[in-house]
Amino acid sequence: MALTHCPTCSYQNDSSQKSCAQCGHALDGANKAPIRTLSGKFRFLGVVIIAIAVIGTVLGTWWGPPGLLPGVAFYMMANFLEPSA
């Protein structure tokens, strides 16, 4: 027999009871945490931020160093493509 506390009067009730024996407060779901959901604007903002991060990662991987420093890319290509003596 597990006991649960009433959130209103703190009376110890049997966990099988649907209401408090002392004050009559409903005990269904009293110990469950509420489920929090994001509203539409925050959900949209999260999707936009994730999309920008993914696009930035892909573009930075493909065009990052050669796009920012083309001289370094040409220098590296010249050193790697030069035939060995």
C-alpha atoms as a PDB file:
ATOM      1  CA  MET A   1       0.000   0.000   0.000  1.00  0.00           C
ATOM      2  CA  ALA A   2       1.680   3.172  -1.206  1.00  0.00           C
ATOM      3  CA  LEU A   3       0.760   6.498   0.297  1.00  0.00           C
ATOM      4  CA  THR A   4       0.410   9.796  -1.538  1.00  0.00           C
ATOM      5  CA  HIS A   5       0.170  13.251  -0.037  1.00  0.00           C
ATOM      6  CA  CYS A   6      -2.741  15.520  -0.865  1.00  0.00           C
ATOM      7  CA  PRO A   7      -1.417  18.732  -2.488  1.00  0.00           C
ATOM      8  CA  THR A   8      -4.073  20.781  -0.662  1.00  0.00           C
ATOM      9  CA  CYS A   9      -4.019  19.545   2.939  1.00  0.00           C
ATOM     10  CA  SER A  10      -0.944  17.207   2.973  1.00  0.00           C
ATOM     11  CA  TYR A  11      -3.025  14.329   4.306  1.00  0.00           C
ATOM     12  CA  GLN A  12      -1.596  10.878   3.545  1.00  0.00           C
ATOM     13  CA  ASN A  13      -3.976   8.923   1.337  1.00  0.00           C
ATOM     14  CA  ASP A  14      -3.853   5.455  -0.173  1.00  0.00           C
ATOM     15  CA  SER A  15      -2.569   5.650  -3.773  1.00  0.00           C
ATOM     16  CA  SER A  16      -5.666   3.825  -5.034  1.00  0.00           C
ATOM     17  CA  GLN A  17      -8.009   6.604  -3.844  1.00  0.00           C
ATOM     18  CA  LYS A  18      -9.310   9.094  -6.402  1.00  0.00           C
ATOM     19  CA  SER A  19      -9.893  11.911  -3.896  1.00  0.00           C
ATOM     20  CA  CYS A  20      -8.499  12.968  -0.539  1.00  0.00           C
ATOM     21  CA  ALA A  21     -10.264  11.400   2.467  1.00  0.00           C
ATOM     22  CA  GLN A  22      -9.905  14.575   4.516  1.00  0.00           C
ATOM     23  CA  CYS A  23     -10.586  17.494   2.131  1.00  0.00           C
ATOM     24  CA  GLY A  24     -11.998  15.786  -0.987  1.00  0.00           C
ATOM     25  CA  HIS A  25      -9.403  17.211  -3.408  1.00  0.00           C
ATOM     26  CA  ALA A  26      -8.948  15.131  -6.570  1.00  0.00           C
ATOM     27  CA  LEU A  27      -5.767  13.042  -6.424  1.00  0.00           C
ATOM     28  CA  ASP A  28      -5.655  11.894 -10.054  1.00  0.00           C
ATOM     29  CA  GLY A  29      -2.386  13.088 -11.521  1.00  0.00           C
ATOM     30  CA  ALA A  30      -1.421  15.027  -8.415  1.00  0.00           C
ATOM     31  CA  ASN A  31       2.122  13.646  -8.450  1.00  0.00           C
ATOM     32  CA  LYS A  32       2.630  13.939 -12.201  1.00  0.00           C
ATOM     33  CA  ALA A  33       4.708  16.775 -13.619  1.00  0.00           C
ATOM     34  CA  PRO A  34       2.866  18.933 -16.140  1.00  0.00           C
ATOM     35  CA  ILE A  35       3.844  18.483 -19.766  1.00  0.00           C
ATOM     36  CA  ARG A  36       5.307  21.672 -21.186  1.00  0.00           C
ATOM     37  CA  THR A  37       5.049  22.400 -24.881  1.00  0.00           C
ATOM     38  CA  LEU A  38       6.434  25.239 -26.932  1.00  0.00           C
ATOM     39  CA  SER A  39       4.097  27.710 -28.528  1.00  0.00           C
ATOM     40  CA  GLY A  40       4.052  28.197 -32.278  1.00  0.00           C
ATOM     41  CA  LYS A  41       6.417  31.194 -32.380  1.00  0.00           C
ATOM     42  CA  PHE A  42       9.092  29.535 -30.242  1.00  0.00           C
ATOM     43  CA  ARG A  43       8.834  26.280 -32.186  1.00  0.00           C
ATOM     44  CA  PHE A  44       9.232  28.174 -35.473  1.00  0.00           C
ATOM     45  CA  LEU A  45      12.199  30.112 -34.060  1.00  0.00           C
ATOM     46  CA  GLY A  46      13.868  26.861 -33.017  1.00  0.00           C
ATOM     47  CA  VAL A  47      13.400  25.346 -36.470  1.00  0.00           C
ATOM     48  CA  VAL A  48      14.851  28.474 -38.106  1.00  0.00           C
ATOM     49  CA  ILE A  49      17.897  28.470 -35.815  1.00  0.00           C
ATOM     50  CA  ILE A  50      18.568  24.782 -36.479  1.00  0.00           C
ATOM     51  CA  ALA A  51      18.155  25.294 -40.241  1.00  0.00           C
ATOM     52  CA  ILE A  52      20.611  28.208 -40.220  1.00  0.00           C
ATOM     53  CA  ALA A  53      23.100  26.133 -38.219  1.00  0.00           C
ATOM     54  CA  VAL A  54      22.847  23.190 -40.639  1.00  0.00           C
ATOM     55  CA  ILE A  55      23.159  25.424 -43.713  1.00  0.00           C
ATOM     56  CA  GLY A  56      26.091  27.288 -42.164  1.00  0.00           C
ATOM     57  CA  THR A  57      27.836  24.018 -41.317  1.00  0.00           C
ATOM     58  CA  VAL A  58      27.386  22.629 -44.831  1.00  0.00           C
ATOM     59  CA  LEU A  59      28.495  25.827 -46.551  1.00  0.00           C
ATOM     60  CA  GLY A  60      31.385  26.285 -44.153  1.00  0.00           C
ATOM     61  CA  THR A  61      32.561  22.747 -44.838  1.00  0.00           C
ATOM     62  CA  TRP A  62      32.310  23.086 -48.604  1.00  0.00           C
ATOM     63  CA  TRP A  63      33.436  26.675 -49.145  1.00  0.00           C
ATOM     64  CA  GLY A  64      34.925  27.692 -45.811  1.00  0.00           C
ATOM     65  CA  PRO A  65      38.729  27.988 -46.090  1.00  0.00           C
ATOM     66  CA  PRO A  66      38.941  28.304 -49.909  1.00  0.00           C
ATOM     67  CA  GLY A  67      36.154  30.879 -49.924  1.00  0.00           C
ATOM     68  CA  LEU A  68      37.682  32.940 -47.130  1.00  0.00           C
ATOM     69  CA  LEU A  69      41.347  32.544 -48.058  1.00  0.00           C
ATOM     70  CA  PRO A  70      41.654  31.717 -51.790  1.00  0.00           C
ATOM     71  CA  GLY A  71      45.397  32.407 -51.765  1.00  0.00           C
ATOM     72  CA  VAL A  72      45.961  29.656 -49.194  1.00  0.00           C
ATOM     73  CA  ALA A  73      43.893  27.219 -51.268  1.00  0.00           C
ATOM     74  CA  PHE A  74      45.940  27.966 -54.405  1.00  0.00           C
ATOM     75  CA  TYR A  75      49.186  27.613 -52.434  1.00  0.00           C
ATOM     76  CA  MET A  76      48.108  24.233 -51.056  1.00  0.00           C
ATOM     77  CA  MET A  77      46.976  23.002 -54.495  1.00  0.00           C
ATOM     78  CA  ALA A  78      50.294  24.049 -56.024  1.00  0.00           C
ATOM     79  CA  ASN A  79      52.250  22.189 -53.361  1.00  0.00           C
ATOM     80  CA  PHE A  80      50.176  19.019 -53.572  1.00  0.00           C
ATOM     81  CA  LEU A  81      49.866  18.910 -57.362  1.00  0.00           C
ATOM     82  CA  GLU A  82      53.522  19.680 -58.056  1.00  0.00           C
ATOM     83  CA  PRO A  83      55.291  16.584 -59.351  1.00  0.00           C
ATOM     84  CA  SER A  84      57.919  15.204 -57.039  1.00  0.00           C
ATOM     85  CA  ALA A  85      61.512  15.302 -58.275  1.00  0.00           C
END
